[in-house]
Amino acid sequence: MKTTTTVIIGAGQSGLAFSKQLSARSVDHVVLERGDIAQAWRTERWDSLRLLTPNWQTRLDGYRYRGPNPDGYMAAADVATFLDGYAAYAGAPVETHAHVLAVTATEGGYHVETTKGDWFCSTVVAATGACSVANVPALDKELPASVTSLSLMDYKRPSQLEQGGVLIIGASASGAQLAKEIQAAGHHVTLSTGEHVRLPRLYRGRDICWWMNETGLMDTHYLDVEDLKRARKVASLQLMGSDDRCNIDLNTLQEAGVRVVGRLQGLREGAALFSGALRNHCMLADLKMNRLLETIDEWVSATGRSGEFEPAHRFKETRIDDGSPLSLNLTDANINTVIWATGYKPDHSWLHLPVFDRKGALRHDGGIATDVPGLYVMGLPFMRRRKSSYIDGVADDAADLADHLTAQLNRRAA
């Protein structure tokens, strides 16, 4: 059995950022990765995926995008290359193709069992992030046998789909992007949406991510949020990265021919049943978008920088047809494929420790496990800051948690 002070599990942006912080504090450690560095970016996303954030925002501690297109949006394969470079820059001690099978408590620390041998350590960092597995609801089992069901990890490109219509469940970033792509490929798409976050790609001449960064919204601390539980469940922004920096919202999708329906409530005898609250969900999304734009306008006025930006403006409210159906027979509608764009979820099943709540979520306080000393988690939504699950956010979280980890080690040694 090999021994080290800290085992970091996962060599994506979160694990590599934590590794750099530990190296800076002279804490010996190893980073275990089930595949290659940035494995998820290499193999577990659809072909056309690009980051929601601009290239200039692809940055980690001391390392950032330096290419010719700072306002572009990086493809998944390029993210993997970027993280390869960061791992080399940081000198991260990564052991690849070391799949972690189990982490258990033992006297004085933890036993980490992997496919390449076992480790003993004092502290463990679960840095596998929030997107380890596709989040497919149990309703999937009620689909007719004639309908092909795909998760976000199953879907790669339109050419893999059968002829006929496609029902996409979920209209956050992933669902909206797939609806646009698949409709353009010649399939008739029906998009089912509940609550969503509508934002423009550009506002007053700047990327919306620039505004959220500059105004400090992305640095909002988890202790400063009234309803943290809700904040951590907010859907991904209805954005896409594209060369023309276009908006992607329910209006632009409907203009492209996508049919929009309410939130999927159930399946009965081959028919999909939808909520009647579609109009309310859209009105709420429009309201929240306009509140954000007002916040930006107020910031511009307060800083006296109005001359630097285009004038304030507002976007058309979401258009919803009165005839949006509440049910849809999948056979009659010629829908042969359902794609569950219902997001991802973390997979900590290898943690054989008493750290989970009754719903299976890891209990933590800003990334510090609340029930087991010496266990940390990285990359979860709004973990310590609003930007915690973004590449641009993990370095700050890693610095905070590395300080805590080092202080704990020093107390034990005293």
Foldseek 3Di string as FASTA:
>chain_A
DAEFAEEEEAQELQSLLLQLLCVVVVGTYEYEEQADRLVCLVAQAAQAAWDLDFQQLLDFVVAGDDDDGRRFTHHSVVSSVSSVVSCVVSVHRYDHNWAWQAWDDDVQDIWTQTPVGIYGHHFYEHENAFFPFFDDDPLVVVADPQAAEAERRRHHALVVDDPEAEEEAEQEQVSLVVLVRNLVVPHAYEYAYEAYAEEACDFLHHGVVVLCVVLCVQFAFLVPDPCSVVQLVHGHHNAGGDPVSGGGDLVVSVVSRHHYAYHFDHADPQKTFHDPCVVVSQVVNQVVRVVVLVVSVVVCVVVVPVVVGHDGDGDDGRDDDPPRDRMGRCVVNRHRYYYYHPGRGDDPVNYPDPQADPVGDGDDQLQAGPPDHNYGYAQRQSSTGNCRNPSSNSNVSSNVVSVVNVVVVVVVVD
